[in-house]
Amino acid sequence: NWIFSNDDGSVNVTTTLEACVAAARPDVDP
């Protein structure tokens, strides 16, 4: 679960407000 990168070398980063909310709420979206 601590693998934050992809095969192309990009890092998983939230880029929209909706993604930011879903990633950082108390019950984080898996």
All heavy atoms as atom14 arrays in JSON, in Angstrom:
{
  "sequence": "NWIFSNDDGSVNVTTTLEACVAAARPDVDP",
  "atom14_mask": [
    [1, 1, 1, 1, 1, 1, 1, 1, 0, 0, 0, 0, 0, 0],
    [1, 1, 1, 1, 1, 1, 1, 1, 1, 1, 1, 1, 1, 1],
    [1, 1, 1, 1, 1, 1, 1, 1, 0, 0, 0, 0, 0, 0],
    [1, 1, 1, 1, 1, 1, 1, 1, 1, 1, 1, 0, 0, 0],
    [1, 1, 1, 1, 1, 1, 0, 0, 0, 0, 0, 0, 0, 0],
    [1, 1, 1, 1, 1, 1, 1, 1, 0, 0, 0, 0, 0, 0],
    [1, 1, 1, 1, 1, 1, 1, 1, 0, 0, 0, 0, 0, 0],
    [1, 1, 1, 1, 1, 1, 1, 1, 0, 0, 0, 0, 0, 0],
    [1, 1, 1, 1, 0, 0, 0, 0, 0, 0, 0, 0, 0, 0],
    [1, 1, 1, 1, 1, 1, 0, 0, 0, 0, 0, 0, 0, 0],
    [1, 1, 1, 1, 1, 1, 1, 0, 0, 0, 0, 0, 0, 0],
    [1, 1, 1, 1, 1, 1, 1, 1, 0, 0, 0, 0, 0, 0],
    [1, 1, 1, 1, 1, 1, 1, 0, 0, 0, 0, 0, 0, 0],
    [1, 1, 1, 1, 1, 1, 1, 0, 0, 0, 0, 0, 0, 0],
    [1, 1, 1, 1, 1, 1, 1, 0, 0, 0, 0, 0, 0, 0],
    [1, 1, 1, 1, 1, 1, 1, 0, 0, 0, 0, 0, 0, 0],
    [1, 1, 1, 1, 1, 1, 1, 1, 0, 0, 0, 0, 0, 0],
    [1, 1, 1, 1, 1, 1, 1, 1, 1, 0, 0, 0, 0, 0],
    [1, 1, 1, 1, 1, 0, 0, 0, 0, 0, 0, 0, 0, 0],
    [1, 1, 1, 1, 1, 1, 0, 0, 0, 0, 0, 0, 0, 0],
    [1, 1, 1, 1, 1, 1, 1, 0, 0, 0, 0, 0, 0, 0],
    [1, 1, 1, 1, 1, 0, 0, 0, 0, 0, 0, 0, 0, 0],
    [1, 1, 1, 1, 1, 0, 0, 0, 0, 0, 0, 0, 0, 0],
    [1, 1, 1, 1, 1, 0, 0, 0, 0, 0, 0, 0, 0, 0],
    [1, 1, 1, 1, 1, 1, 1, 1, 1, 1, 1, 0, 0, 0],
    [1, 1, 1, 1, 1, 1, 1, 0, 0, 0, 0, 0, 0, 0],
    [1, 1, 1, 1, 1, 1, 1, 1, 0, 0, 0, 0, 0, 0],
    [1, 1, 1, 1, 1, 1, 1, 0, 0, 0, 0, 0, 0, 0],
    [1, 1, 1, 1, 1, 1, 1, 1, 0, 0, 0, 0, 0, 0],
    [1, 1, 1, 1, 1, 1, 1, 0, 0, 0, 0, 0, 0, 0]
  ],
  "atom14_positions": [
    [[0.81, -1.22, 0.0], [0.0, 0.0, 0.0], [0.85, 1.27, 0.0], [0.32, 2.37, -0.14], [-0.94, 0.02, 1.21], [-2.13, -0.89, 1.03], [-2.41, -1.38, -0.06], [-2.85, -1.13, 2.12], [0.0, 0.0, 0.0], [0.0, 0.0, 0.0], [0.0, 0.0, 0.0], [0.0, 0.0, 0.0], [0.0, 0.0, 0.0], [0.0, 0.0, 0.0]],
    [[2.16, 1.1, 0.16], [3.06, 2.25, 0.18], [3.78, 2.44, -1.15], [4.74, 3.21, -1.24], [4.06, 2.12, 1.32], [3.4, 2.31, 2.64], [3.03, 1.35, 3.54], [2.98, 3.56, 3.19], [2.41, 1.91, 4.62], [2.37, 3.28, 4.43], [3.05, 4.89, 2.76], [1.83, 4.28, 5.24], [2.51, 5.88, 3.55], [1.91, 5.57, 4.78]],
    [[3.29, 1.78, -2.18], [3.83, 2.0, -3.52], [3.04, 3.15, -4.14], [1.87, 3.02, -4.49], [3.72, 0.73, -4.38], [4.54, -0.4, -3.73], [4.19, 1.01, -5.81], [4.41, -1.73, -4.43], [0.0, 0.0, 0.0], [0.0, 0.0, 0.0], [0.0, 0.0, 0.0], [0.0, 0.0, 0.0], [0.0, 0.0, 0.0], [0.0, 0.0, 0.0]],
    [[3.68, 4.29, -4.25], [3.02, 5.52, -4.69], [3.29, 5.84, -6.17], [2.79, 6.84, -6.67], [3.52, 6.71, -3.86], [2.87, 6.85, -2.51], [2.58, 5.76, -1.71], [2.54, 8.11, -2.03], [1.99, 5.9, -0.47], [1.95, 8.27, -0.78], [1.67, 7.17, 0.0], [0.0, 0.0, 0.0], [0.0, 0.0, 0.0], [0.0, 0.0, 0.0]],
    [[4.08, 5.02, -6.85], [4.47, 5.35, -8.22], [3.94, 4.3, -9.2], [3.5, 3.21, -8.82], [5.99, 5.43, -8.33], [6.6, 4.21, -7.94], [0.0, 0.0, 0.0], [0.0, 0.0, 0.0], [0.0, 0.0, 0.0], [0.0, 0.0, 0.0], [0.0, 0.0, 0.0], [0.0, 0.0, 0.0], [0.0, 0.0, 0.0], [0.0, 0.0, 0.0]],
    [[4.02, 4.67, -10.47], [3.52, 3.83, -11.55], [4.67, 3.38, -12.46], [5.81, 3.84, -12.32], [2.48, 4.61, -12.36], [1.36, 5.12, -11.47], [0.62, 4.35, -10.88], [1.26, 6.44, -11.37], [0.0, 0.0, 0.0], [0.0, 0.0, 0.0], [0.0, 0.0, 0.0], [0.0, 0.0, 0.0], [0.0, 0.0, 0.0], [0.0, 0.0, 0.0]],
    [[4.37, 2.47, -13.4], [5.4, 1.92, -14.27], [6.11, 3.0, -15.06], [7.29, 2.86, -15.4], [4.8, 0.89, -15.22], [4.34, -0.37, -14.5], [4.81, -0.6, -13.37], [3.52, -1.11, -15.07], [0.0, 0.0, 0.0], [0.0, 0.0, 0.0], [0.0, 0.0, 0.0], [0.0, 0.0, 0.0], [0.0, 0.0, 0.0], [0.0, 0.0, 0.0]],
    [[5.42, 4.09, -15.38], [6.05, 5.16, -16.16], [6.83, 6.15, -15.31], [7.35, 7.14, -15.81], [5.0, 5.91, -16.99], [3.95, 6.62, -16.11], [4.02, 6.48, -14.87], [3.07, 7.29, -16.69], [0.0, 0.0, 0.0], [0.0, 0.0, 0.0], [0.0, 0.0, 0.0], [0.0, 0.0, 0.0], [0.0, 0.0, 0.0], [0.0, 0.0, 0.0]],
    [[6.91, 5.88, -13.99], [7.66, 6.74, -13.09], [6.87, 7.89, -12.5], [7.39, 8.64, -11.68], [0.0, 0.0, 0.0], [0.0, 0.0, 0.0], [0.0, 0.0, 0.0], [0.0, 0.0, 0.0], [0.0, 0.0, 0.0], [0.0, 0.0, 0.0], [0.0, 0.0, 0.0], [0.0, 0.0, 0.0], [0.0, 0.0, 0.0], [0.0, 0.0, 0.0]],
    [[5.61, 8.02, -12.89], [4.78, 9.09, -12.32], [4.36, 8.74, -10.9], [4.28, 7.56, -10.53], [3.54, 9.32, -13.19], [2.72, 8.15, -13.21], [0.0, 0.0, 0.0], [0.0, 0.0, 0.0], [0.0, 0.0, 0.0], [0.0, 0.0, 0.0], [0.0, 0.0, 0.0], [0.0, 0.0, 0.0], [0.0, 0.0, 0.0], [0.0, 0.0, 0.0]],
    [[4.12, 9.76, -10.09], [3.7, 9.58, -8.71], [2.2, 9.84, -8.61], [1.66, 10.75, -9.27], [4.47, 10.55, -7.78], [3.94, 10.48, -6.35], [5.95, 10.22, -7.81], [0.0, 0.0, 0.0], [0.0, 0.0, 0.0], [0.0, 0.0, 0.0], [0.0, 0.0, 0.0], [0.0, 0.0, 0.0], [0.0, 0.0, 0.0], [0.0, 0.0, 0.0]],
    [[1.52, 9.04, -7.8], [0.09, 9.24, -7.59], [-0.14, 10.51, -6.76], [0.22, 10.55, -5.58], [-0.52, 8.04, -6.86], [-0.43, 6.76, -7.65], [-0.51, 6.78, -8.88], [-0.26, 5.65, -6.97], [0.0, 0.0, 0.0], [0.0, 0.0, 0.0], [0.0, 0.0, 0.0], [0.0, 0.0, 0.0], [0.0, 0.0, 0.0], [0.0, 0.0, 0.0]],
    [[-0.72, 11.52, -7.37], [-0.99, 12.8, -6.73], [-2.43, 13.2, -7.04], [-2.88, 13.08, -8.18], [-0.03, 13.9, -7.24], [-0.34, 15.23, -6.56], [1.42, 13.51, -6.99], [0.0, 0.0, 0.0], [0.0, 0.0, 0.0], [0.0, 0.0, 0.0], [0.0, 0.0, 0.0], [0.0, 0.0, 0.0], [0.0, 0.0, 0.0], [0.0, 0.0, 0.0]],
    [[-3.17, 13.64, -6.03], [-4.52, 14.11, -6.27], [-4.47, 15.43, -7.02], [-3.79, 16.37, -6.62], [-5.29, 14.31, -4.95], [-4.54, 15.16, -4.09], [-5.51, 12.98, -4.25], [0.0, 0.0, 0.0], [0.0, 0.0, 0.0], [0.0, 0.0, 0.0], [0.0, 0.0, 0.0], [0.0, 0.0, 0.0], [0.0, 0.0, 0.0], [0.0, 0.0, 0.0]],
    [[-5.2, 15.5, -8.13], [-5.13, 16.68, -8.98], [-6.47, 17.43, -9.09], [-6.53, 18.46, -9.74], [-4.66, 16.31, -10.39], [-5.55, 15.31, -10.94], [-3.24, 15.76, -10.35], [0.0, 0.0, 0.0], [0.0, 0.0, 0.0], [0.0, 0.0, 0.0], [0.0, 0.0, 0.0], [0.0, 0.0, 0.0], [0.0, 0.0, 0.0], [0.0, 0.0, 0.0]],
    [[-7.51, 16.89, -8.46], [-8.81, 17.57, -8.46], [-9.28, 17.74, -7.03], [-8.82, 17.03, -6.12], [-9.87, 16.78, -9.24], [-10.15, 15.55, -8.53], [-9.38, 16.46, -10.66], [0.0, 0.0, 0.0], [0.0, 0.0, 0.0], [0.0, 0.0, 0.0], [0.0, 0.0, 0.0], [0.0, 0.0, 0.0], [0.0, 0.0, 0.0], [0.0, 0.0, 0.0]],
    [[-10.2, 18.66, -6.82], [-10.73, 18.88, -5.48], [-11.47, 17.65, -5.0], [-11.37, 17.26, -3.83], [-11.65, 20.1, -5.48], [-12.18, 20.55, -4.11], [-11.03, 20.9, -3.17], [-13.11, 21.74, -4.27], [0.0, 0.0, 0.0], [0.0, 0.0, 0.0], [0.0, 0.0, 0.0], [0.0, 0.0, 0.0], [0.0, 0.0, 0.0], [0.0, 0.0, 0.0]],
    [[-12.2, 17.01, -5.89], [-12.94, 15.8, -5.52], [-12.0, 14.69, -5.07], [-12.25, 13.99, -4.08], [-13.8, 15.32, -6.69], [-14.97, 16.22, -7.04], [-14.58, 17.48, -7.81], [-13.4, 17.57, -8.26], [-15.42, 18.37, -7.97], [0.0, 0.0, 0.0], [0.0, 0.0, 0.0], [0.0, 0.0, 0.0], [0.0, 0.0, 0.0], [0.0, 0.0, 0.0]],
    [[-10.89, 14.53, -5.78], [-9.92, 13.51, -5.41], [-9.26, 13.84, -4.08], [-9.04, 12.95, -3.24], [-8.86, 13.38, -6.5], [0.0, 0.0, 0.0], [0.0, 0.0, 0.0], [0.0, 0.0, 0.0], [0.0, 0.0, 0.0], [0.0, 0.0, 0.0], [0.0, 0.0, 0.0], [0.0, 0.0, 0.0], [0.0, 0.0, 0.0], [0.0, 0.0, 0.0]],
    [[-8.99, 15.11, -3.88], [-8.37, 15.53, -2.63], [-9.28, 15.22, -1.45], [-8.84, 14.72, -0.42], [-8.08, 17.03, -2.7], [-7.29, 17.69, -1.25], [0.0, 0.0, 0.0], [0.0, 0.0, 0.0], [0.0, 0.0, 0.0], [0.0, 0.0, 0.0], [0.0, 0.0, 0.0], [0.0, 0.0, 0.0], [0.0, 0.0, 0.0], [0.0, 0.0, 0.0]],
    [[-10.58, 15.5, -1.61], [-11.54, 15.22, -0.55], [-11.65, 13.73, -0.29], [-11.61, 13.27, 0.85], [-12.92, 15.81, -0.9], [-13.98, 15.33, 0.09], [-12.87, 17.33, -0.93], [0.0, 0.0, 0.0], [0.0, 0.0, 0.0], [0.0, 0.0, 0.0], [0.0, 0.0, 0.0], [0.0, 0.0, 0.0], [0.0, 0.0, 0.0], [0.0, 0.0, 0.0]],
    [[-11.74, 12.95, -1.34], [-11.9, 11.5, -1.2], [-10.66, 10.86, -0.57], [-10.77, 9.89, 0.18], [-12.18, 10.87, -2.56], [0.0, 0.0, 0.0], [0.0, 0.0, 0.0], [0.0, 0.0, 0.0], [0.0, 0.0, 0.0], [0.0, 0.0, 0.0], [0.0, 0.0, 0.0], [0.0, 0.0, 0.0], [0.0, 0.0, 0.0], [0.0, 0.0, 0.0]],
    [[-9.49, 11.42, -0.85], [-8.25, 10.84, -0.35], [-7.96, 11.22, 1.09], [-7.17, 10.54, 1.75], [-7.09, 11.26, -1.23], [0.0, 0.0, 0.0], [0.0, 0.0, 0.0], [0.0, 0.0, 0.0], [0.0, 0.0, 0.0], [0.0, 0.0, 0.0], [0.0, 0.0, 0.0], [0.0, 0.0, 0.0], [0.0, 0.0, 0.0], [0.0, 0.0, 0.0]],
    [[-8.56, 12.27, 1.59], [-8.17, 12.76, 2.9], [-9.31, 12.85, 3.9], [-9.14, 13.42, 4.97], [-7.51, 14.14, 2.75], [0.0, 0.0, 0.0], [0.0, 0.0, 0.0], [0.0, 0.0, 0.0], [0.0, 0.0, 0.0], [0.0, 0.0, 0.0], [0.0, 0.0, 0.0], [0.0, 0.0, 0.0], [0.0, 0.0, 0.0], [0.0, 0.0, 0.0]],
    [[-10.45, 12.26, 3.57], [-11.52, 12.21, 4.55], [-11.2, 11.13, 5.58], [-10.32, 10.3, 5.36], [-12.85, 11.93, 3.85], [-12.94, 10.53, 3.27], [-14.13, 10.37, 2.32], [-14.3, 8.98, 1.94], [-14.99, 8.58, 0.88], [-15.56, 9.47, 0.1], [-15.11, 7.3, 0.62], [0.0, 0.0, 0.0], [0.0, 0.0, 0.0], [0.0, 0.0, 0.0]],
    [[-11.9, 11.11, 6.74], [-11.59, 10.1, 7.76], [-11.69, 8.67, 7.25], [-10.84, 7.84, 7.57], [-12.63, 10.38, 8.84], [-12.96, 11.82, 8.68], [-12.91, 12.08, 7.2], [0.0, 0.0, 0.0], [0.0, 0.0, 0.0], [0.0, 0.0, 0.0], [0.0, 0.0, 0.0], [0.0, 0.0, 0.0], [0.0, 0.0, 0.0], [0.0, 0.0, 0.0]],
    [[-12.72, 8.38, 6.45], [-12.83, 7.04, 5.87], [-12.3, 7.12, 4.43], [-13.05, 7.16, 3.47], [-14.28, 6.55, 5.9], [-15.25, 7.51, 5.23], [-14.96, 8.73, 5.19], [-16.3, 7.06, 4.75], [0.0, 0.0, 0.0], [0.0, 0.0, 0.0], [0.0, 0.0, 0.0], [0.0, 0.0, 0.0], [0.0, 0.0, 0.0], [0.0, 0.0, 0.0]],
    [[-10.98, 7.13, 4.31], [-10.34, 7.35, 3.02], [-10.81, 6.32, 2.0], [-10.86, 5.12, 2.27], [-8.81, 7.29, 3.18], [-8.12, 7.37, 1.82], [-8.33, 8.4, 4.09], [0.0, 0.0, 0.0], [0.0, 0.0, 0.0], [0.0, 0.0, 0.0], [0.0, 0.0, 0.0], [0.0, 0.0, 0.0], [0.0, 0.0, 0.0], [0.0, 0.0, 0.0]],
    [[-11.16, 6.8, 0.82], [-11.51, 5.92, -0.28], [-10.3, 5.05, -0.6], [-9.23, 5.55, -0.91], [-11.89, 6.77, -1.5], [-12.42, 5.94, -2.65], [-12.09, 4.74, -2.74], [-13.16, 6.5, -3.48], [0.0, 0.0, 0.0], [0.0, 0.0, 0.0], [0.0, 0.0, 0.0], [0.0, 0.0, 0.0], [0.0, 0.0, 0.0], [0.0, 0.0, 0.0]],
    [[-10.43, 3.72, -0.53], [-9.28, 2.83, -0.8], [-8.64, 3.07, -2.16], [-7.48, 2.72, -2.37], [-9.88, 1.43, -0.69], [-11.05, 1.6, 0.23], [-11.61, 2.96, -0.1], [0.0, 0.0, 0.0], [0.0, 0.0, 0.0], [0.0, 0.0, 0.0], [0.0, 0.0, 0.0], [0.0, 0.0, 0.0], [0.0, 0.0, 0.0], [0.0, 0.0, 0.0]]
  ]
}
